[in-house]
Amino acid sequence: MKSLLKLFVVLVGVVVGYEILHLFFFKDIDGWAILSFMEEPVTNGTSKQTVPENRGQFEKVLSFDGELSVPLVDGLVLLSLAGLALSTWMLAGRSRAPANPEAWKTARLTSGLFLFTSVTYAMTGSASGHRQVADDEWKSLTDKLHVGDVIAYRKEKWRGRREILASGKLTVIGYRLFKYGHLAIVVEDPKDPMRKVLFTSQSKIGVNVDEDVDTLRIHNWDAYRLDKWDRVNEDRFKEYVNHCLQAAGHFFGYDFTGMFALWNDNLRPTEKSNIGSEYICSTSVLTILYYAGFESDAIKREGWFDLVTPYQVVKADGRFIPLPEGGVIQK
């Protein structure tokens, strides 16, 4: 029993330590990731094999927080969790009884009640809401978004936990593991060129443009813009969108093998016939850019055993690939 208690205290200590570091020291880092250390872009990609004028990179141009949080809840949860672990250890984990056991029992009960109350309050959604933005202010913001801007989604911590545990939205797990949990790219609506929509891929939906830029109002996100956008072939960019929307399925239009880093659909399509129909959000952005003439260093292992995360896409350098008059990419 004492071994289990020791394990419990150690695990609580690790969790509390991680959360304290993130809450007070790393809070300016995008997201609340556990596996963010795996997302560093490669340093020996194809962009290093070309001249500097043919290299490209993304720059963050906009940020918006549509979800609000209450940091006090984080503090209460951490303190009550630490208090519960310490009081439990003092009462049952040591060989000697504490000098004042009744005080420690009271501390354990109080910590447990605070922990239950804080977590319940957070899980109801009361600890997080949506930022209220005037319509003219929002329009002014979205007018700054250009076709080709990549939207990297972040998520407020307790909202993410509530969606995973209370609503069963397993797709939100990506926000817990990586710095960004979802990715989309701004494109013209094929049915209305004056309307800006978000090209992406989602589970049970596949590749789609179901959401426009106004849906960003209730999310946390950063917008990244590719420098030298004039080097991108916009005709092929639009062609790719139209082809994918026609070819993609729904449930099977999402690349579940790519999500588990087993195998990605073709990440270097050169013509319509070899554009894949199953992509995850990040590879859908990678491939549209490749098809239009920009090869990202985020493609590391030819698609095999290669999980491409949203952060890798916006942080990796790349190179512009010449497109001859025939429209076929030169390797």
C-alpha atoms as a PDB file:
ATOM      1  CA  MET A   1       0.000   0.000   0.000  1.00  0.00           C
ATOM      2  CA  LYS A   2       2.796   2.376   0.883  1.00  0.00           C
ATOM      3  CA  SER A   3       4.455   1.684  -2.459  1.00  0.00           C
ATOM      4  CA  LEU A   4       1.283   2.761  -4.231  1.00  0.00           C
ATOM      5  CA  LEU A   5       1.109   5.888  -2.106  1.00  0.00           C
ATOM      6  CA  LYS A   6       4.716   6.712  -2.930  1.00  0.00           C
ATOM      7  CA  LEU A   7       3.962   6.253  -6.632  1.00  0.00           C
ATOM      8  CA  PHE A   8       0.892   8.490  -6.248  1.00  0.00           C
ATOM      9  CA  VAL A   9       2.907  11.235  -4.569  1.00  0.00           C
ATOM     10  CA  VAL A  10       5.649  11.048  -7.212  1.00  0.00           C
ATOM     11  CA  LEU A  11       3.121  11.266 -10.061  1.00  0.00           C
ATOM     12  CA  VAL A  12       1.343  14.175  -8.416  1.00  0.00           C
ATOM     13  CA  GLY A  13       4.686  15.897  -7.907  1.00  0.00           C
ATOM     14  CA  VAL A  14       5.544  15.511 -11.599  1.00  0.00           C
ATOM     15  CA  VAL A  15       2.147  16.819 -12.701  1.00  0.00           C
ATOM     16  CA  VAL A  16       2.183  19.753 -10.291  1.00  0.00           C
ATOM     17  CA  GLY A  17       5.769  20.611 -11.216  1.00  0.00           C
ATOM     18  CA  TYR A  18       4.993  20.560 -14.928  1.00  0.00           C
ATOM     19  CA  GLU A  19       1.856  22.642 -14.507  1.00  0.00           C
ATOM     20  CA  ILE A  20       3.582  25.209 -12.276  1.00  0.00           C
ATOM     21  CA  LEU A  21       6.437  25.596 -14.744  1.00  0.00           C
ATOM     22  CA  HIS A  22       3.990  26.062 -17.607  1.00  0.00           C
ATOM     23  CA  LEU A  23       1.630  28.339 -15.684  1.00  0.00           C
ATOM     24  CA  PHE A  24       4.239  30.729 -14.305  1.00  0.00           C
ATOM     25  CA  PHE A  25       7.364  30.383 -16.451  1.00  0.00           C
ATOM     26  CA  PHE A  26       6.374  29.023 -19.876  1.00  0.00           C
ATOM     27  CA  LYS A  27       2.973  30.674 -20.286  1.00  0.00           C
ATOM     28  CA  ASP A  28       4.127  32.625 -23.346  1.00  0.00           C
ATOM     29  CA  ILE A  29       4.877  29.378 -25.192  1.00  0.00           C
ATOM     30  CA  ASP A  30       2.160  28.458 -27.676  1.00  0.00           C
ATOM     31  CA  GLY A  31      -0.182  25.787 -26.415  1.00  0.00           C
ATOM     32  CA  TRP A  32       0.085  23.496 -23.382  1.00  0.00           C
ATOM     33  CA  ALA A  33       1.968  20.667 -25.011  1.00  0.00           C
ATOM     34  CA  ILE A  34       3.516  17.559 -23.491  1.00  0.00           C
ATOM     35  CA  LEU A  35       5.315  16.370 -26.628  1.00  0.00           C
ATOM     36  CA  SER A  36       6.344  19.765 -27.989  1.00  0.00           C
ATOM     37  CA  PHE A  37      10.009  18.746 -27.731  1.00  0.00           C
ATOM     38  CA  MET A  38       9.382  16.392 -30.673  1.00  0.00           C
ATOM     39  CA  GLU A  39       8.238  19.195 -32.954  1.00  0.00           C
ATOM     40  CA  GLU A  40      11.467  20.999 -33.679  1.00  0.00           C
ATOM     41  CA  PRO A  41      11.808  21.405 -37.465  1.00  0.00           C
ATOM     42  CA  VAL A  42      14.623  19.615 -39.255  1.00  0.00           C
ATOM     43  CA  THR A  43      17.862  21.489 -39.842  1.00  0.00           C
ATOM     44  CA  ASN A  44      19.002  19.616 -42.942  1.00  0.00           C
ATOM     45  CA  GLY A  45      15.940  19.860 -45.166  1.00  0.00           C
ATOM     46  CA  THR A  46      15.763  20.488 -48.883  1.00  0.00           C
ATOM     47  CA  SER A  47      15.735  24.266 -48.380  1.00  0.00           C
ATOM     48  CA  LYS A  48      19.418  24.060 -47.390  1.00  0.00           C
ATOM     49  CA  GLN A  49      20.174  22.647 -50.840  1.00  0.00           C
ATOM     50  CA  THR A  50      19.068  25.749 -52.710  1.00  0.00           C
ATOM     51  CA  VAL A  51      20.206  29.344 -52.990  1.00  0.00           C
ATOM     52  CA  PRO A  52      18.933  31.810 -50.346  1.00  0.00           C
ATOM     53  CA  GLU A  53      16.650  33.670 -52.759  1.00  0.00           C
ATOM     54  CA  ASN A  54      14.706  30.445 -53.360  1.00  0.00           C
ATOM     55  CA  ARG A  55      14.153  29.765 -49.677  1.00  0.00           C
ATOM     56  CA  GLY A  56      10.938  30.626 -47.913  1.00  0.00           C
ATOM     57  CA  GLN A  57       9.578  30.664 -44.407  1.00  0.00           C
ATOM     58  CA  PHE A  58       6.431  31.530 -42.472  1.00  0.00           C
ATOM     59  CA  GLU A  59       6.099  34.629 -40.338  1.00  0.00           C
ATOM     60  CA  LYS A  60       3.481  35.134 -37.643  1.00  0.00           C
ATOM     61  CA  VAL A  61       1.312  38.076 -38.694  1.00  0.00           C
ATOM     62  CA  LEU A  62      -1.769  37.876 -36.445  1.00  0.00           C
ATOM     63  CA  SER A  63      -2.880  36.345 -33.154  1.00  0.00           C
ATOM     64  CA  PHE A  64      -6.300  36.190 -31.567  1.00  0.00           C
ATOM     65  CA  ASP A  65      -7.688  34.714 -28.351  1.00  0.00           C
ATOM     66  CA  GLY A  66     -11.382  33.968 -28.704  1.00  0.00           C
ATOM     67  CA  GLU A  67     -11.426  31.702 -25.653  1.00  0.00           C
ATOM     68  CA  LEU A  68     -11.036  33.145 -22.184  1.00  0.00           C
ATOM     69  CA  SER A  69      -9.687  31.380 -19.119  1.00  0.00           C
ATOM     70  CA  VAL A  70      -9.457  31.973 -15.374  1.00  0.00           C
ATOM     71  CA  PRO A  71      -5.878  31.370 -14.139  1.00  0.00           C
ATOM     72  CA  LEU A  72      -7.192  31.286 -10.551  1.00  0.00           C
ATOM     73  CA  VAL A  73      -8.747  27.897 -11.284  1.00  0.00           C
ATOM     74  CA  ASP A  74      -5.336  26.515 -12.307  1.00  0.00           C
ATOM     75  CA  GLY A  75      -3.857  27.773  -9.057  1.00  0.00           C
ATOM     76  CA  LEU A  76      -6.628  26.264  -6.913  1.00  0.00           C
ATOM     77  CA  VAL A  77      -6.366  22.891  -8.632  1.00  0.00           C
ATOM     78  CA  LEU A  78      -2.587  22.755  -8.238  1.00  0.00           C
ATOM     79  CA  LEU A  79      -2.641  23.822  -4.589  1.00  0.00           C
ATOM     80  CA  SER A  80      -5.444  21.444  -3.634  1.00  0.00           C
ATOM     81  CA  LEU A  81      -3.819  18.547  -5.510  1.00  0.00           C
ATOM     82  CA  ALA A  82      -0.491  19.187  -3.798  1.00  0.00           C
ATOM     83  CA  GLY A  83      -2.243  19.506  -0.414  1.00  0.00           C
ATOM     84  CA  LEU A  84      -4.124  16.241  -0.937  1.00  0.00           C
ATOM     85  CA  ALA A  85      -0.942  14.368  -1.893  1.00  0.00           C
ATOM     86  CA  LEU A  86       1.063  15.781   1.030  1.00  0.00           C
ATOM     87  CA  SER A  87      -1.613  15.151   3.665  1.00  0.00           C
ATOM     88  CA  THR A  88      -2.218  11.596   2.385  1.00  0.00           C
ATOM     89  CA  TRP A  89       1.488  10.883   2.579  1.00  0.00           C
ATOM     90  CA  MET A  90       1.762  12.283   6.105  1.00  0.00           C
ATOM     91  CA  LEU A  91      -1.154  10.166   7.301  1.00  0.00           C
ATOM     92  CA  ALA A  92      -0.535   6.871   5.555  1.00  0.00           C
ATOM     93  CA  GLY A  93       2.754   6.908   3.711  1.00  0.00           C
ATOM     94  CA  ARG A  94       5.231   7.300   6.549  1.00  0.00           C
ATOM     95  CA  SER A  95       6.302   4.720   9.112  1.00  0.00           C
ATOM     96  CA  ARG A  96       5.736   7.220  11.954  1.00  0.00           C
ATOM     97  CA  ALA A  97       2.420   8.866  12.714  1.00  0.00           C
ATOM     98  CA  PRO A  98       2.376  12.687  12.332  1.00  0.00           C
ATOM     99  CA  ALA A  99       2.537  14.884  15.423  1.00  0.00           C
ATOM    100  CA  ASN A 100      -0.962  16.263  14.833  1.00  0.00           C
ATOM    101  CA  PRO A 101      -2.978  13.696  12.846  1.00  0.00           C
ATOM    102  CA  GLU A 102      -6.298  15.502  13.229  1.00  0.00           C
ATOM    103  CA  ALA A 103      -4.884  18.609  11.549  1.00  0.00           C
ATOM    104  CA  TRP A 104      -3.604  16.507   8.643  1.00  0.00           C
ATOM    105  CA  LYS A 105      -6.985  14.779   8.313  1.00  0.00           C
ATOM    106  CA  THR A 106      -8.631  18.186   8.129  1.00  0.00           C
ATOM    107  CA  ALA A 107      -6.077  19.293   5.546  1.00  0.00           C
ATOM    108  CA  ARG A 108      -6.757  16.170   3.457  1.00  0.00           C
ATOM    109  CA  LEU A 109     -10.514  16.667   3.599  1.00  0.00           C
ATOM    110  CA  THR A 110     -10.228  20.371   2.787  1.00  0.00           C
ATOM    111  CA  SER A 111      -7.815  19.751  -0.102  1.00  0.00           C
ATOM    112  CA  GLY A 112     -10.055  17.049  -1.515  1.00  0.00           C
ATOM    113  CA  LEU A 113     -13.130  19.294  -1.378  1.00  0.00           C
ATOM    114  CA  PHE A 114     -11.251  22.180  -3.014  1.00  0.00           C
ATOM    115  CA  LEU A 115      -9.934  19.851  -5.725  1.00  0.00           C
ATOM    116  CA  PHE A 116     -13.380  18.415  -6.452  1.00  0.00           C
ATOM    117  CA  THR A 117     -15.016  21.862  -6.462  1.00  0.00           C
ATOM    118  CA  SER A 118     -12.347  23.456  -8.668  1.00  0.00           C
ATOM    119  CA  VAL A 119     -12.313  20.646 -11.239  1.00  0.00           C
ATOM    120  CA  THR A 120     -16.120  20.475 -11.333  1.00  0.00           C
ATOM    121  CA  TYR A 121     -16.331  24.243 -11.811  1.00  0.00           C
ATOM    122  CA  ALA A 122     -13.790  24.092 -14.639  1.00  0.00           C
ATOM    123  CA  MET A 123     -15.424  21.105 -16.334  1.00  0.00           C
ATOM    124  CA  THR A 124     -18.810  22.834 -16.471  1.00  0.00           C
ATOM    125  CA  GLY A 125     -17.296  25.480 -18.729  1.00  0.00           C
ATOM    126  CA  SER A 126     -17.818  28.275 -16.217  1.00  0.00           C
ATOM    127  CA  ALA A 127     -14.077  28.838 -15.987  1.00  0.00           C
ATOM    128  CA  SER A 128     -13.816  29.703 -19.654  1.00  0.00           C
ATOM    129  CA  GLY A 129     -15.909  31.728 -22.036  1.00  0.00           C
ATOM    130  CA  HIS A 130     -15.653  33.538 -25.342  1.00  0.00           C
ATOM    131  CA  ARG A 131     -14.195  36.955 -25.913  1.00  0.00           C
ATOM    132  CA  GLN A 132     -16.745  39.538 -26.938  1.00  0.00           C
ATOM    133  CA  VAL A 133     -15.612  41.436 -30.024  1.00  0.00           C
ATOM    134  CA  ALA A 134     -17.537  44.187 -31.791  1.00  0.00           C
ATOM    135  CA  ASP A 135     -18.499  43.367 -35.372  1.00  0.00           C
ATOM    136  CA  ASP A 136     -16.501  46.245 -36.878  1.00  0.00           C
ATOM    137  CA  GLU A 137     -13.423  45.292 -34.843  1.00  0.00           C
ATOM    138  CA  TRP A 138     -13.720  41.686 -35.974  1.00  0.00           C
ATOM    139  CA  LYS A 139     -14.137  42.669 -39.609  1.00  0.00           C
ATOM    140  CA  SER A 140     -11.072  44.877 -39.359  1.00  0.00           C
ATOM    141  CA  LEU A 141      -9.114  41.891 -38.050  1.00  0.00           C
ATOM    142  CA  THR A 142     -10.300  39.359 -40.642  1.00  0.00           C
ATOM    143  CA  ASP A 143      -9.694  41.854 -43.454  1.00  0.00           C
ATOM    144  CA  LYS A 144      -6.006  41.513 -42.599  1.00  0.00           C
ATOM    145  CA  LEU A 145      -6.088  37.807 -43.438  1.00  0.00           C
ATOM    146  CA  HIS A 146      -4.854  37.004 -46.950  1.00  0.00           C
ATOM    147  CA  VAL A 147      -5.378  33.987 -49.159  1.00  0.00           C
ATOM    148  CA  GLY A 148      -2.536  31.608 -48.297  1.00  0.00           C
ATOM    149  CA  ASP A 149      -2.340  32.560 -44.622  1.00  0.00           C
ATOM    150  CA  VAL A 150      -2.025  29.460 -42.445  1.00  0.00           C
ATOM    151  CA  ILE A 151      -4.171  29.372 -39.311  1.00  0.00           C
ATOM    152  CA  ALA A 152      -2.698  27.448 -36.371  1.00  0.00           C
ATOM    153  CA  TYR A 153      -5.253  26.741 -33.651  1.00  0.00           C
ATOM    154  CA  ARG A 154      -4.504  26.876 -29.941  1.00  0.00           C
ATOM    155  CA  LYS A 155      -6.927  25.918 -27.169  1.00  0.00           C
ATOM    156  CA  GLU A 156      -7.491  27.207 -23.659  1.00  0.00           C
ATOM    157  CA  LYS A 157      -6.422  24.492 -21.221  1.00  0.00           C
ATOM    158  CA  TRP A 158      -9.601  23.830 -19.270  1.00  0.00           C
ATOM    159  CA  ARG A 159     -11.766  24.045 -22.360  1.00  0.00           C
ATOM    160  CA  GLY A 160      -9.615  21.351 -23.921  1.00  0.00           C
ATOM    161  CA  ARG A 161      -9.838  19.130 -20.848  1.00  0.00           C
ATOM    162  CA  ARG A 162     -13.601  19.583 -20.657  1.00  0.00           C
ATOM    163  CA  GLU A 163     -14.040  18.707 -24.336  1.00  0.00           C
ATOM    164  CA  ILE A 164     -11.933  15.556 -23.902  1.00  0.00           C
ATOM    165  CA  LEU A 165     -13.325  14.288 -20.595  1.00  0.00           C
ATOM    166  CA  ALA A 166     -16.874  15.627 -20.517  1.00  0.00           C
ATOM    167  CA  SER A 167     -17.763  15.695 -24.214  1.00  0.00           C
ATOM    168  CA  GLY A 168     -15.602  12.815 -25.435  1.00  0.00           C
ATOM    169  CA  LYS A 169     -13.984  14.836 -28.241  1.00  0.00           C
ATOM    170  CA  LEU A 170     -10.839  12.755 -28.685  1.00  0.00           C
ATOM    171  CA  THR A 171      -9.621  14.958 -31.546  1.00  0.00           C
ATOM    172  CA  VAL A 172      -8.847  17.608 -28.925  1.00  0.00           C
ATOM    173  CA  ILE A 173      -6.047  15.406 -27.533  1.00  0.00           C
ATOM    174  CA  GLY A 174      -3.712  16.948 -30.108  1.00  0.00           C
ATOM    175  CA  TYR A 175      -3.917  20.242 -28.231  1.00  0.00           C
ATOM    176  CA  ARG A 176      -2.624  18.485 -25.112  1.00  0.00           C
ATOM    177  CA  LEU A 177       0.255  16.796 -26.912  1.00  0.00           C
ATOM    178  CA  PHE A 178       1.498  19.491 -29.282  1.00  0.00           C
ATOM    179  CA  LYS A 179       1.828  23.253 -29.445  1.00  0.00           C
ATOM    180  CA  TYR A 180      -0.995  23.569 -31.962  1.00  0.00           C
ATOM    181  CA  GLY A 181      -3.892  21.174 -32.301  1.00  0.00           C
ATOM    182  CA  HIS A 182      -5.297  22.008 -35.721  1.00  0.00           C
ATOM    183  CA  LEU A 183      -4.263  23.737 -38.953  1.00  0.00           C
ATOM    184  CA  ALA A 184      -6.067  25.354 -41.872  1.00  0.00           C
ATOM    185  CA  ILE A 185      -5.173  27.624 -44.766  1.00  0.00           C
ATOM    186  CA  VAL A 186      -7.171  30.588 -46.046  1.00  0.00           C
ATOM    187  CA  VAL A 187      -8.487  30.117 -49.599  1.00  0.00           C
ATOM    188  CA  GLU A 188     -11.105  31.694 -51.824  1.00  0.00           C
ATOM    189  CA  ASP A 189     -14.482  30.021 -51.661  1.00  0.00           C
ATOM    190  CA  PRO A 190     -14.764  28.101 -54.983  1.00  0.00           C
ATOM    191  CA  LYS A 191     -18.435  29.136 -55.136  1.00  0.00           C
ATOM    192  CA  ASP A 192     -17.899  32.765 -54.090  1.00  0.00           C
ATOM    193  CA  PRO A 193     -14.403  34.222 -54.748  1.00  0.00           C
ATOM    194  CA  MET A 194     -15.188  37.243 -52.537  1.00  0.00           C
ATOM    195  CA  ARG A 195     -15.564  34.996 -49.486  1.00  0.00           C
ATOM    196  CA  LYS A 196     -12.545  33.691 -47.563  1.00  0.00           C
ATOM    197  CA  VAL A 197     -12.888  30.130 -46.272  1.00  0.00           C
ATOM    198  CA  LEU A 198     -10.638  27.682 -44.442  1.00  0.00           C
ATOM    199  CA  PHE A 199      -9.243  24.709 -46.348  1.00  0.00           C
ATOM    200  CA  THR A 200      -8.433  21.862 -43.970  1.00  0.00           C
ATOM    201  CA  SER A 201      -9.085  18.200 -43.194  1.00  0.00           C
ATOM    202  CA  GLN A 202     -11.042  16.893 -40.222  1.00  0.00           C
ATOM    203  CA  SER A 203     -11.970  13.458 -38.934  1.00  0.00           C
ATOM    204  CA  LYS A 204     -15.370  12.170 -40.161  1.00  0.00           C
ATOM    205  CA  ILE A 205     -15.407  15.019 -42.709  1.00  0.00           C
ATOM    206  CA  GLY A 206     -12.154  14.816 -44.619  1.00  0.00           C
ATOM    207  CA  VAL A 207     -10.861  17.680 -46.757  1.00  0.00           C
ATOM    208  CA  ASN A 208     -13.352  20.549 -46.716  1.00  0.00           C
ATOM    209  CA  VAL A 209     -14.011  24.292 -46.790  1.00  0.00           C
ATOM    210  CA  ASP A 210     -17.056  24.139 -44.515  1.00  0.00           C
ATOM    211  CA  GLU A 211     -15.896  26.998 -42.297  1.00  0.00           C
ATOM    212  CA  ASP A 212     -15.147  30.591 -43.235  1.00  0.00           C
ATOM    213  CA  VAL A 213     -12.896  33.077 -41.447  1.00  0.00           C
ATOM    214  CA  ASP A 214     -15.766  34.257 -39.238  1.00  0.00           C
ATOM    215  CA  THR A 215     -15.706  30.913 -37.417  1.00  0.00           C
ATOM    216  CA  LEU A 216     -12.289  31.923 -36.042  1.00  0.00           C
ATOM    217  CA  ARG A 217     -14.101  34.340 -33.731  1.00  0.00           C
ATOM    218  CA  ILE A 218     -14.562  31.724 -30.984  1.00  0.00           C
ATOM    219  CA  HIS A 219     -11.100  30.156 -31.201  1.00  0.00           C
ATOM    220  CA  ASN A 220      -7.534  30.912 -30.166  1.00  0.00           C
ATOM    221  CA  TRP A 221      -5.265  31.039 -33.186  1.00  0.00           C
ATOM    222  CA  ASP A 222      -2.136  32.434 -34.774  1.00  0.00           C
ATOM    223  CA  ALA A 223      -1.921  33.345 -38.455  1.00  0.00           C
ATOM    224  CA  TYR A 224       1.299  32.650 -40.348  1.00  0.00           C
ATOM    225  CA  ARG A 225       2.132  34.093 -43.775  1.00  0.00           C
ATOM    226  CA  LEU A 226       4.578  32.676 -46.273  1.00  0.00           C
ATOM    227  CA  ASP A 227       7.132  35.245 -47.351  1.00  0.00           C
ATOM    228  CA  LYS A 228       7.548  35.676 -51.112  1.00  0.00           C
ATOM    229  CA  TRP A 229       3.931  34.634 -51.669  1.00  0.00           C
ATOM    230  CA  ASP A 230       4.273  36.004 -55.197  1.00  0.00           C
ATOM    231  CA  ARG A 231       6.407  32.918 -55.958  1.00  0.00           C
ATOM    232  CA  VAL A 232       3.395  30.631 -55.377  1.00  0.00           C
ATOM    233  CA  ASN A 233       1.435  29.574 -58.469  1.00  0.00           C
ATOM    234  CA  GLU A 234      -2.079  30.718 -57.546  1.00  0.00           C
ATOM    235  CA  ASP A 235      -3.726  28.918 -60.467  1.00  0.00           C
ATOM    236  CA  ARG A 236      -2.381  25.585 -59.233  1.00  0.00           C
ATOM    237  CA  PHE A 237      -3.298  26.608 -55.679  1.00  0.00           C
ATOM    238  CA  LYS A 238      -6.954  26.994 -56.712  1.00  0.00           C
ATOM    239  CA  GLU A 239      -6.819  23.880 -58.874  1.00  0.00           C
ATOM    240  CA  TYR A 240      -5.693  21.828 -55.901  1.00  0.00           C
ATOM    241  CA  VAL A 241      -8.589  23.053 -53.741  1.00  0.00           C
ATOM    242  CA  ASN A 242     -11.183  22.273 -56.408  1.00  0.00           C
ATOM    243  CA  HIS A 243      -9.759  18.834 -57.126  1.00  0.00           C
ATOM    244  CA  CYS A 244      -9.580  17.811 -53.458  1.00  0.00           C
ATOM    245  CA  LEU A 245     -13.138  18.911 -52.766  1.00  0.00           C
ATOM    246  CA  GLN A 246     -14.365  16.818 -55.677  1.00  0.00           C
ATOM    247  CA  ALA A 247     -12.244  13.752 -54.853  1.00  0.00           C
ATOM    248  CA  ALA A 248     -12.317  13.648 -51.057  1.00  0.00           C
ATOM    249  CA  GLY A 249     -14.679  11.372 -49.187  1.00  0.00           C
ATOM    250  CA  HIS A 250     -16.037  12.021 -45.734  1.00  0.00           C
ATOM    251  CA  PHE A 251     -15.013   9.573 -43.005  1.00  0.00           C
ATOM    252  CA  PHE A 252     -12.428   8.020 -45.301  1.00  0.00           C
ATOM    253  CA  GLY A 253     -11.269  11.421 -46.504  1.00  0.00           C
ATOM    254  CA  TYR A 254      -9.268  11.808 -43.293  1.00  0.00           C
ATOM    255  CA  ASP A 255      -5.850  10.174 -43.121  1.00  0.00           C
ATOM    256  CA  PHE A 256      -6.015   8.062 -39.962  1.00  0.00           C
ATOM    257  CA  THR A 257      -2.749   6.271 -40.822  1.00  0.00           C
ATOM    258  CA  GLY A 258      -1.075   9.675 -41.038  1.00  0.00           C
ATOM    259  CA  MET A 259      -2.568  10.694 -37.700  1.00  0.00           C
ATOM    260  CA  PHE A 260      -0.787   7.741 -36.078  1.00  0.00           C
ATOM    261  CA  ALA A 261       2.471   8.420 -37.985  1.00  0.00           C
ATOM    262  CA  LEU A 262       2.281   5.160 -39.953  1.00  0.00           C
ATOM    263  CA  TRP A 263       1.944   6.384 -43.516  1.00  0.00           C
ATOM    264  CA  ASN A 264       0.945   9.659 -45.160  1.00  0.00           C
ATOM    265  CA  ASP A 265      -0.833  10.016 -48.461  1.00  0.00           C
ATOM    266  CA  ASN A 266       1.288  11.491 -51.271  1.00  0.00           C
ATOM    267  CA  LEU A 267       2.901  14.632 -49.830  1.00  0.00           C
ATOM    268  CA  ARG A 268       4.554  15.657 -53.119  1.00  0.00           C
ATOM    269  CA  PRO A 269       1.799  15.643 -55.755  1.00  0.00           C
ATOM    270  CA  THR A 270       2.935  16.984 -59.122  1.00  0.00           C
ATOM    271  CA  GLU A 271      -0.312  16.663 -61.078  1.00  0.00           C
ATOM    272  CA  LYS A 272      -3.977  16.154 -60.367  1.00  0.00           C
ATOM    273  CA  SER A 273      -3.833  12.410 -60.948  1.00  0.00           C
ATOM    274  CA  ASN A 274      -1.470  11.835 -58.005  1.00  0.00           C
ATOM    275  CA  ILE A 275      -3.116  14.143 -55.485  1.00  0.00           C
ATOM    276  CA  GLY A 276      -4.214  11.973 -52.589  1.00  0.00           C
ATOM    277  CA  SER A 277      -7.712  11.992 -51.139  1.00  0.00           C
ATOM    278  CA  GLU A 278      -6.854  11.338 -47.482  1.00  0.00           C
ATOM    279  CA  TYR A 279      -4.951  13.922 -45.446  1.00  0.00           C
ATOM    280  CA  ILE A 280      -4.765  15.191 -41.906  1.00  0.00           C
ATOM    281  CA  CYS A 281      -5.039  18.944 -41.351  1.00  0.00           C
ATOM    282  CA  SER A 282      -1.290  19.591 -41.460  1.00  0.00           C
ATOM    283  CA  THR A 283      -0.544  17.458 -44.528  1.00  0.00           C
ATOM    284  CA  SER A 284      -3.458  19.034 -46.416  1.00  0.00           C
ATOM    285  CA  VAL A 285      -1.680  22.383 -45.997  1.00  0.00           C
ATOM    286  CA  LEU A 286       1.724  20.922 -46.894  1.00  0.00           C
ATOM    287  CA  THR A 287       0.485  19.362 -50.108  1.00  0.00           C
ATOM    288  CA  ILE A 288      -1.470  22.357 -51.391  1.00  0.00           C
ATOM    289  CA  LEU A 289       1.661  24.458 -51.005  1.00  0.00           C
ATOM    290  CA  TYR A 290       3.839  21.819 -52.670  1.00  0.00           C
ATOM    291  CA  TYR A 291       1.436  21.571 -55.587  1.00  0.00           C
ATOM    292  CA  ALA A 292       1.605  25.350 -55.942  1.00  0.00           C
ATOM    293  CA  GLY A 293       5.412  25.421 -55.863  1.00  0.00           C
ATOM    294  CA  PHE A 294       6.600  25.504 -52.225  1.00  0.00           C
ATOM    295  CA  GLU A 295       8.271  22.434 -50.718  1.00  0.00           C
ATOM    296  CA  SER A 296       8.434  22.460 -46.929  1.00  0.00           C
ATOM    297  CA  ASP A 297      11.193  20.906 -44.850  1.00  0.00           C
ATOM    298  CA  ALA A 298       8.419  19.507 -42.640  1.00  0.00           C
ATOM    299  CA  ILE A 299       8.316  16.537 -45.045  1.00  0.00           C
ATOM    300  CA  LYS A 300      11.083  14.481 -43.492  1.00  0.00           C
ATOM    301  CA  ARG A 301      10.831  10.784 -44.329  1.00  0.00           C
ATOM    302  CA  GLU A 302       8.945  10.578 -47.614  1.00  0.00           C
ATOM    303  CA  GLY A 303       5.710  10.065 -45.685  1.00  0.00           C
ATOM    304  CA  TRP A 304       6.753   6.864 -43.862  1.00  0.00           C
ATOM    305  CA  PHE A 305       6.573   6.874 -40.038  1.00  0.00           C
ATOM    306  CA  ASP A 306       6.361  10.631 -40.135  1.00  0.00           C
ATOM    307  CA  LEU A 307       3.822  12.498 -38.008  1.00  0.00           C
ATOM    308  CA  VAL A 308       3.588  16.025 -39.409  1.00  0.00           C
ATOM    309  CA  THR A 309       2.251  18.393 -36.734  1.00  0.00           C
ATOM    310  CA  PRO A 310       0.806  21.882 -37.290  1.00  0.00           C
ATOM    311  CA  TYR A 311       3.736  23.517 -35.495  1.00  0.00           C
ATOM    312  CA  GLN A 312       6.249  21.813 -37.797  1.00  0.00           C
ATOM    313  CA  VAL A 313       4.430  23.179 -40.843  1.00  0.00           C
ATOM    314  CA  VAL A 314       4.558  26.826 -39.744  1.00  0.00           C
ATOM    315  CA  LYS A 315       8.062  26.654 -38.256  1.00  0.00           C
ATOM    316  CA  ALA A 316       9.884  24.720 -40.971  1.00  0.00           C
ATOM    317  CA  ASP A 317      11.715  26.494 -43.767  1.00  0.00           C
ATOM    318  CA  GLY A 318      11.187  25.461 -47.361  1.00  0.00           C
ATOM    319  CA  ARG A 319      12.150  26.127 -50.938  1.00  0.00           C
ATOM    320  CA  PHE A 320      10.287  27.439 -53.964  1.00  0.00           C
ATOM    321  CA  ILE A 321      10.215  24.907 -56.776  1.00  0.00           C
ATOM    322  CA  PRO A 322      10.184  26.222 -60.351  1.00  0.00           C
ATOM    323  CA  LEU A 323       7.027  25.481 -62.307  1.00  0.00           C
ATOM    324  CA  PRO A 324       7.531  25.450 -66.080  1.00  0.00           C
ATOM    325  CA  GLU A 325       4.878  26.524 -68.530  1.00  0.00           C
ATOM    326  CA  GLY A 326       3.533  22.986 -68.703  1.00  0.00           C
ATOM    327  CA  GLY A 327       2.662  23.137 -65.015  1.00  0.00           C
ATOM    328  CA  VAL A 328       4.741  20.133 -63.973  1.00  0.00           C
ATOM    329  CA  ILE A 329       7.003  20.556 -60.958  1.00  0.00           C
ATOM    330  CA  GLN A 330      10.726  20.289 -61.639  1.00  0.00           C
ATOM    331  CA  LYS A 331      12.455  18.101 -59.076  1.00  0.00           C
END
